[in-house]
Amino acid sequence: MDHLKLYKTLTNSIRVPFYVMGALLLLLWGLLWVWFLTNQTGPTGSLVAHFRAVGVQAALWFVLTANCLQVMAFMGISSYLAAYLMHTYRLSAGATALPLVVAGCGVIGGSLVGAASLARPAVCPWWHWPLWGVGAERP
């Protein structure tokens, strides 16, 4: 009887998905560590020296900063959009899923259009100005 009670407690708990995903991610991390780090050949040097060599490149810092700002903006907008829809239109948490998916598809579509416009500079050259500001190379 105690095993059944323990099972019901574990399956009804909200923590179980986090434990399962955490265990799977740790397993994946371990496998990637074994597969990729043991099979690499290349220059053997200090990790700190490698980061120093890479860190002096300005383009890396522009791209890293732009990526951080983009992720922060997306997380802020996606969390605010859900709260806004729940408060203003009295939607449930499940009903906000479709607008959030549409917003996410818009972000992905915008990334694809931005990459395509950089590949063909004659299409819309004015689009390149903000992309140059975040570290993209000029054609």
C-alpha atoms as a PDB file:
ATOM      1  CA  MET A   1       0.000   0.000   0.000  1.00  0.00           C
ATOM      2  CA  ASP A   2       2.880   2.388   0.714  1.00  0.00           C
ATOM      3  CA  HIS A   3       4.324   1.874  -2.779  1.00  0.00           C
ATOM      4  CA  LEU A   4       1.017   2.870  -4.367  1.00  0.00           C
ATOM      5  CA  LYS A   5       0.827   5.983  -2.190  1.00  0.00           C
ATOM      6  CA  LEU A   6       4.413   6.924  -3.090  1.00  0.00           C
ATOM      7  CA  TYR A   7       3.681   6.418  -6.800  1.00  0.00           C
ATOM      8  CA  LYS A   8       0.593   8.638  -6.646  1.00  0.00           C
ATOM      9  CA  THR A   9       2.503  11.300  -4.772  1.00  0.00           C
ATOM     10  CA  LEU A  10       5.335  11.283  -7.307  1.00  0.00           C
ATOM     11  CA  THR A  11       3.115  11.283 -10.384  1.00  0.00           C
ATOM     12  CA  ASN A  12       0.879  14.052  -9.071  1.00  0.00           C
ATOM     13  CA  SER A  13       3.822  16.215  -8.080  1.00  0.00           C
ATOM     14  CA  ILE A  14       4.819  19.100 -10.308  1.00  0.00           C
ATOM     15  CA  ARG A  15       8.496  18.436  -9.580  1.00  0.00           C
ATOM     16  CA  VAL A  16       8.625  15.102 -11.400  1.00  0.00           C
ATOM     17  CA  PRO A  17       8.917  16.601 -14.931  1.00  0.00           C
ATOM     18  CA  PHE A  18      11.785  18.793 -13.761  1.00  0.00           C
ATOM     19  CA  TYR A  19      13.601  15.823 -12.240  1.00  0.00           C
ATOM     20  CA  VAL A  20      13.092  13.739 -15.374  1.00  0.00           C
ATOM     21  CA  MET A  21      14.238  16.522 -17.716  1.00  0.00           C
ATOM     22  CA  GLY A  22      17.188  17.313 -15.454  1.00  0.00           C
ATOM     23  CA  ALA A  23      18.273  13.670 -15.419  1.00  0.00           C
ATOM     24  CA  LEU A  24      17.936  13.414 -19.207  1.00  0.00           C
ATOM     25  CA  LEU A  25      19.910  16.617 -19.726  1.00  0.00           C
ATOM     26  CA  LEU A  26      22.666  15.406 -17.411  1.00  0.00           C
ATOM     27  CA  LEU A  27      22.784  12.134 -19.326  1.00  0.00           C
ATOM     28  CA  LEU A  28      22.971  13.996 -22.633  1.00  0.00           C
ATOM     29  CA  TRP A  29      25.691  16.287 -21.286  1.00  0.00           C
ATOM     30  CA  GLY A  30      27.709  13.298 -20.154  1.00  0.00           C
ATOM     31  CA  LEU A  31      27.375  11.564 -23.509  1.00  0.00           C
ATOM     32  CA  LEU A  32      28.362  14.702 -25.408  1.00  0.00           C
ATOM     33  CA  TRP A  33      31.337  15.148 -23.099  1.00  0.00           C
ATOM     34  CA  VAL A  34      32.527  11.616 -23.808  1.00  0.00           C
ATOM     35  CA  TRP A  35      31.794  11.632 -27.539  1.00  0.00           C
ATOM     36  CA  PHE A  36      33.166  15.019 -28.507  1.00  0.00           C
ATOM     37  CA  LEU A  37      35.919  15.852 -26.069  1.00  0.00           C
ATOM     38  CA  THR A  38      37.669  12.503 -26.246  1.00  0.00           C
ATOM     39  CA  ASN A  39      37.656  12.396 -30.066  1.00  0.00           C
ATOM     40  CA  GLN A  40      38.942  15.876 -30.774  1.00  0.00           C
ATOM     41  CA  THR A  41      42.321  16.375 -32.320  1.00  0.00           C
ATOM     42  CA  GLY A  42      43.898  19.747 -32.638  1.00  0.00           C
ATOM     43  CA  PRO A  43      46.195  22.114 -30.902  1.00  0.00           C
ATOM     44  CA  THR A  44      46.612  21.326 -27.271  1.00  0.00           C
ATOM     45  CA  GLY A  45      46.835  24.479 -25.263  1.00  0.00           C
ATOM     46  CA  SER A  46      45.424  26.261 -22.348  1.00  0.00           C
ATOM     47  CA  LEU A  47      41.722  26.948 -22.346  1.00  0.00           C
ATOM     48  CA  VAL A  48      42.400  30.409 -20.980  1.00  0.00           C
ATOM     49  CA  ALA A  49      44.795  31.136 -23.866  1.00  0.00           C
ATOM     50  CA  HIS A  50      42.118  30.070 -26.331  1.00  0.00           C
ATOM     51  CA  PHE A  51      39.547  32.401 -24.752  1.00  0.00           C
ATOM     52  CA  ARG A  52      42.047  35.254 -24.786  1.00  0.00           C
ATOM     53  CA  ALA A  53      42.715  34.709 -28.497  1.00  0.00           C
ATOM     54  CA  VAL A  54      39.023  34.598 -29.334  1.00  0.00           C
ATOM     55  CA  GLY A  55      38.035  37.381 -26.948  1.00  0.00           C
ATOM     56  CA  VAL A  56      40.060  40.076 -28.690  1.00  0.00           C
ATOM     57  CA  GLN A  57      37.844  39.883 -31.790  1.00  0.00           C
ATOM     58  CA  ALA A  58      35.373  42.773 -31.699  1.00  0.00           C
ATOM     59  CA  ALA A  59      32.848  41.063 -33.982  1.00  0.00           C
ATOM     60  CA  LEU A  60      32.415  38.272 -31.437  1.00  0.00           C
ATOM     61  CA  TRP A  61      31.422  40.738 -28.727  1.00  0.00           C
ATOM     62  CA  PHE A  62      28.999  42.557 -31.052  1.00  0.00           C
ATOM     63  CA  VAL A  63      27.273  39.307 -31.964  1.00  0.00           C
ATOM     64  CA  LEU A  64      27.246  38.085 -28.365  1.00  0.00           C
ATOM     65  CA  THR A  65      25.767  41.363 -27.110  1.00  0.00           C
ATOM     66  CA  ALA A  66      23.149  41.400 -29.874  1.00  0.00           C
ATOM     67  CA  ASN A  67      22.213  37.814 -29.107  1.00  0.00           C
ATOM     68  CA  CYS A  68      21.820  38.559 -25.382  1.00  0.00           C
ATOM     69  CA  LEU A  69      19.648  41.601 -26.103  1.00  0.00           C
ATOM     70  CA  GLN A  70      17.551  39.629 -28.570  1.00  0.00           C
ATOM     71  CA  VAL A  71      16.962  36.802 -26.112  1.00  0.00           C
ATOM     72  CA  MET A  72      16.077  39.241 -23.323  1.00  0.00           C
ATOM     73  CA  ALA A  73      13.622  41.075 -25.583  1.00  0.00           C
ATOM     74  CA  PHE A  74      11.998  37.858 -26.743  1.00  0.00           C
ATOM     75  CA  MET A  75      11.639  36.508 -23.214  1.00  0.00           C
ATOM     76  CA  GLY A  76      10.216  39.816 -22.013  1.00  0.00           C
ATOM     77  CA  ILE A  77       7.752  40.093 -24.864  1.00  0.00           C
ATOM     78  CA  SER A  78       6.630  36.494 -24.660  1.00  0.00           C
ATOM     79  CA  SER A  79       6.040  36.669 -20.913  1.00  0.00           C
ATOM     80  CA  TYR A  80       4.354  40.076 -21.151  1.00  0.00           C
ATOM     81  CA  LEU A  81       2.165  38.948 -24.057  1.00  0.00           C
ATOM     82  CA  ALA A  82       0.785  36.043 -22.055  1.00  0.00           C
ATOM     83  CA  ALA A  83       0.092  38.260 -19.018  1.00  0.00           C
ATOM     84  CA  TYR A  84      -1.470  40.930 -21.225  1.00  0.00           C
ATOM     85  CA  LEU A  85      -3.792  38.451 -22.945  1.00  0.00           C
ATOM     86  CA  MET A  86      -4.785  36.895 -19.627  1.00  0.00           C
ATOM     87  CA  HIS A  87      -5.503  40.234 -18.010  1.00  0.00           C
ATOM     88  CA  THR A  88      -7.119  42.160 -20.867  1.00  0.00           C
ATOM     89  CA  TYR A  89      -9.045  39.434 -22.685  1.00  0.00           C
ATOM     90  CA  ARG A  90      -9.548  37.086 -19.705  1.00  0.00           C
ATOM     91  CA  LEU A  91      -7.910  34.176 -21.533  1.00  0.00           C
ATOM     92  CA  SER A  92      -6.788  31.099 -19.685  1.00  0.00           C
ATOM     93  CA  ALA A  93      -3.150  30.051 -19.684  1.00  0.00           C
ATOM     94  CA  GLY A  94      -3.884  27.391 -22.301  1.00  0.00           C
ATOM     95  CA  ALA A  95      -5.693  29.853 -24.557  1.00  0.00           C
ATOM     96  CA  THR A  96      -2.589  32.064 -24.766  1.00  0.00           C
ATOM     97  CA  ALA A  97      -0.610  29.254 -26.372  1.00  0.00           C
ATOM     98  CA  LEU A  98      -1.682  30.018 -29.956  1.00  0.00           C
ATOM     99  CA  PRO A  99      -0.786  33.740 -29.843  1.00  0.00           C
ATOM    100  CA  LEU A 100       2.576  32.851 -28.297  1.00  0.00           C
ATOM    101  CA  VAL A 101       3.223  30.305 -31.061  1.00  0.00           C
ATOM    102  CA  VAL A 102       2.340  32.912 -33.691  1.00  0.00           C
ATOM    103  CA  ALA A 103       4.710  35.415 -32.058  1.00  0.00           C
ATOM    104  CA  GLY A 104       7.467  32.771 -31.938  1.00  0.00           C
ATOM    105  CA  CYS A 105       6.928  31.938 -35.616  1.00  0.00           C
ATOM    106  CA  GLY A 106       7.238  35.660 -36.355  1.00  0.00           C
ATOM    107  CA  VAL A 107      10.602  35.747 -34.609  1.00  0.00           C
ATOM    108  CA  ILE A 108      11.815  32.713 -36.552  1.00  0.00           C
ATOM    109  CA  GLY A 109      10.492  34.150 -39.821  1.00  0.00           C
ATOM    110  CA  GLY A 110      12.209  37.459 -39.135  1.00  0.00           C
ATOM    111  CA  SER A 111      15.496  35.667 -38.549  1.00  0.00           C
ATOM    112  CA  LEU A 112      15.146  33.790 -41.822  1.00  0.00           C
ATOM    113  CA  VAL A 113      14.309  36.964 -43.755  1.00  0.00           C
ATOM    114  CA  GLY A 114      17.255  38.767 -42.170  1.00  0.00           C
ATOM    115  CA  ALA A 115      19.643  35.972 -43.121  1.00  0.00           C
ATOM    116  CA  ALA A 116      18.264  35.821 -46.662  1.00  0.00           C
ATOM    117  CA  SER A 117      18.612  39.572 -47.101  1.00  0.00           C
ATOM    118  CA  LEU A 118      22.251  39.414 -46.043  1.00  0.00           C
ATOM    119  CA  ALA A 119      22.854  36.672 -48.591  1.00  0.00           C
ATOM    120  CA  ARG A 120      21.465  38.881 -51.402  1.00  0.00           C
ATOM    121  CA  PRO A 121      22.495  42.489 -50.785  1.00  0.00           C
ATOM    122  CA  ALA A 122      20.755  43.859 -53.912  1.00  0.00           C
ATOM    123  CA  VAL A 123      17.291  42.923 -52.625  1.00  0.00           C
ATOM    124  CA  CYS A 124      16.822  45.391 -49.760  1.00  0.00           C
ATOM    125  CA  PRO A 125      20.023  47.226 -48.905  1.00  0.00           C
ATOM    126  CA  TRP A 126      18.324  49.390 -46.250  1.00  0.00           C
ATOM    127  CA  TRP A 127      17.689  46.238 -44.208  1.00  0.00           C
ATOM    128  CA  HIS A 128      21.393  45.800 -43.765  1.00  0.00           C
ATOM    129  CA  TRP A 129      21.965  48.902 -41.662  1.00  0.00           C
ATOM    130  CA  PRO A 130      20.630  47.414 -38.412  1.00  0.00           C
ATOM    131  CA  LEU A 131      22.299  44.109 -39.216  1.00  0.00           C
ATOM    132  CA  TRP A 132      25.653  45.828 -39.670  1.00  0.00           C
ATOM    133  CA  GLY A 133      25.149  47.416 -36.262  1.00  0.00           C
ATOM    134  CA  VAL A 134      25.050  44.015 -34.609  1.00  0.00           C
ATOM    135  CA  GLY A 135      28.215  42.747 -36.241  1.00  0.00           C
ATOM    136  CA  ALA A 136      27.118  41.345 -39.600  1.00  0.00           C
ATOM    137  CA  GLU A 137      29.700  41.681 -42.348  1.00  0.00           C
ATOM    138  CA  ARG A 138      29.195  44.184 -45.115  1.00  0.00           C
ATOM    139  CA  PRO A 139      28.952  42.702 -48.629  1.00  0.00           C
END
